[in-house]
Amino acid sequence: MAGTFEIYKDKAGEFRFRLKDTNGQVIVTVGGYKTKASAIEGIESVQKNAPGAKIEDLSEVSSANVPPTPPPSGVLPKGTYEPFPPGTSAAELAAGSGMAGTMHGPGWDND
């Protein structure tokens, strides 16, 4: 008999899943998914990638020699930035982000 995946919501309202063995012991807990569909995709990924997965023992390796975990696709690593294209004006950047508009408040000419 195989283990069981359980999907549940945590106190923050995010979806998590845990894998239990046949004795009901929790083997692993994974979470922080915004949607149930994302949690299900996580389960499917474990099901697909875990059979035959190798074990890497990093317990005796200096943390200086352990490569960092890459960020998710489309996310820049902390401490880096993506420069704006040369010659791009602030107005063009604001228009592209949906933030274009008139500023109001102390110190602005249009008050």
Protein backbone atom coordinates (compact mmCIF):
# COMPACT_ATOMS: atom_id res chain seq x y z
CA MET A 1 0.00 0.00 0.00
CA ALA A 2 1.28 3.47 -0.89
CA GLY A 3 1.45 6.54 1.32
CA THR A 4 -1.18 9.30 1.24
CA PHE A 5 -1.00 12.95 0.27
CA GLU A 6 -3.26 15.27 2.28
CA ILE A 7 -4.10 18.82 1.19
CA TYR A 8 -5.15 21.33 3.84
CA LYS A 9 -5.26 25.07 4.58
CA ASP A 10 -2.94 26.60 7.16
CA LYS A 11 -3.81 29.44 9.58
CA ALA A 12 -2.78 32.01 6.96
CA GLY A 13 -5.27 30.52 4.48
CA GLU A 14 -2.60 29.06 2.21
CA PHE A 15 -2.70 25.52 0.90
CA ARG A 16 -0.22 22.93 2.10
CA PHE A 17 0.21 19.23 1.56
CA ARG A 18 1.78 16.50 3.58
CA LEU A 19 2.79 12.97 2.71
CA LYS A 20 2.00 10.27 5.24
CA ASP A 21 3.36 6.74 5.21
CA THR A 22 1.14 3.68 5.57
CA ASN A 23 1.34 3.97 9.39
CA GLY A 24 0.03 7.55 9.34
CA GLN A 25 3.42 9.11 10.13
CA VAL A 26 4.02 12.46 8.40
CA ILE A 27 7.03 12.06 6.13
CA VAL A 28 7.11 15.55 4.63
CA THR A 29 5.10 18.77 4.75
CA VAL A 30 5.22 21.32 1.95
CA GLY A 31 3.28 24.53 1.69
CA GLY A 32 2.63 28.14 1.09
CA TYR A 33 0.57 27.66 -2.08
CA LYS A 34 -1.98 30.36 -2.92
CA THR A 35 -4.35 27.96 -4.68
CA LYS A 36 -5.39 24.35 -4.28
CA ALA A 37 -4.49 23.78 -7.93
CA SER A 38 -0.90 24.86 -7.20
CA ALA A 39 -0.71 22.46 -4.25
CA ILE A 40 -1.97 19.64 -6.49
CA GLU A 41 0.71 20.53 -9.05
CA GLY A 42 3.28 20.29 -6.24
CA ILE A 43 2.02 16.82 -5.34
CA GLU A 44 2.13 15.74 -8.97
CA SER A 45 5.70 17.02 -9.24
CA VAL A 46 6.75 14.96 -6.20
CA GLN A 47 5.00 11.90 -7.62
CA LYS A 48 6.77 12.36 -10.95
CA ASN A 49 10.26 13.30 -9.70
CA ALA A 50 10.67 11.27 -6.48
CA PRO A 51 10.70 7.67 -7.77
CA GLY A 52 14.33 6.69 -8.05
CA ALA A 53 15.55 10.09 -6.82
CA LYS A 54 19.13 9.98 -5.62
CA ILE A 55 20.16 11.01 -2.11
CA GLU A 56 22.76 13.74 -1.75
CA ASP A 57 24.37 13.94 1.68
CA LEU A 58 25.28 17.58 2.28
CA SER A 59 25.53 17.19 6.05
CA GLU A 60 29.32 17.17 6.01
CA VAL A 61 29.82 19.80 3.35
CA SER A 62 30.72 23.35 4.33
CA SER A 63 27.82 25.71 3.68
CA ALA A 64 30.31 27.78 1.66
CA ASN A 65 30.51 24.92 -0.85
CA VAL A 66 26.77 24.32 -1.18
CA PRO A 67 25.36 26.10 -4.24
CA PRO A 68 22.38 28.36 -3.50
CA THR A 69 18.93 27.23 -4.53
CA PRO A 70 18.00 29.08 -7.72
CA PRO A 71 14.98 31.40 -7.49
CA PRO A 72 11.74 30.49 -9.28
CA SER A 73 11.63 31.37 -12.96
CA GLY A 74 11.02 35.08 -13.50
CA VAL A 75 12.14 36.07 -9.96
CA LEU A 76 15.37 37.96 -9.51
CA PRO A 77 17.69 36.83 -6.69
CA LYS A 78 17.70 39.07 -3.61
CA GLY A 79 20.20 41.91 -3.95
CA THR A 80 20.06 42.04 -7.75
CA TYR A 81 18.13 44.25 -10.08
CA GLU A 82 17.11 44.33 -13.68
CA PRO A 83 18.19 47.64 -15.23
CA PHE A 84 15.76 49.60 -17.32
CA PRO A 85 16.52 49.88 -21.02
CA PRO A 86 18.80 52.84 -21.80
CA GLY A 87 16.93 56.01 -22.67
CA THR A 88 13.67 54.93 -20.99
CA SER A 89 11.94 57.87 -19.34
CA ALA A 90 10.13 57.75 -16.01
CA ALA A 91 6.86 58.47 -17.86
CA GLU A 92 7.40 55.47 -20.15
CA LEU A 93 8.14 53.25 -17.16
CA ALA A 94 5.05 54.49 -15.31
CA ALA A 95 2.85 54.06 -18.38
CA GLY A 96 4.05 50.50 -18.85
CA SER A 97 3.34 49.62 -15.23
CA GLY A 98 -0.14 51.10 -15.12
CA MET A 99 1.08 53.68 -12.59
CA ALA A 100 0.81 56.74 -14.83
CA GLY A 101 -1.25 59.55 -13.34
CA THR A 102 -1.18 62.92 -11.63
CA MET A 103 0.49 63.31 -8.27
CA HIS A 104 -1.27 65.41 -5.61
CA GLY A 105 0.03 66.51 -2.26
CA PRO A 106 2.32 68.98 -0.50
CA GLY A 107 5.14 70.14 -2.70
CA TRP A 108 3.55 69.18 -6.01
CA ASP A 109 2.89 71.95 -8.54
CA ASN A 110 -0.68 70.88 -9.24
CA ASP A 111 -2.09 71.56 -5.74
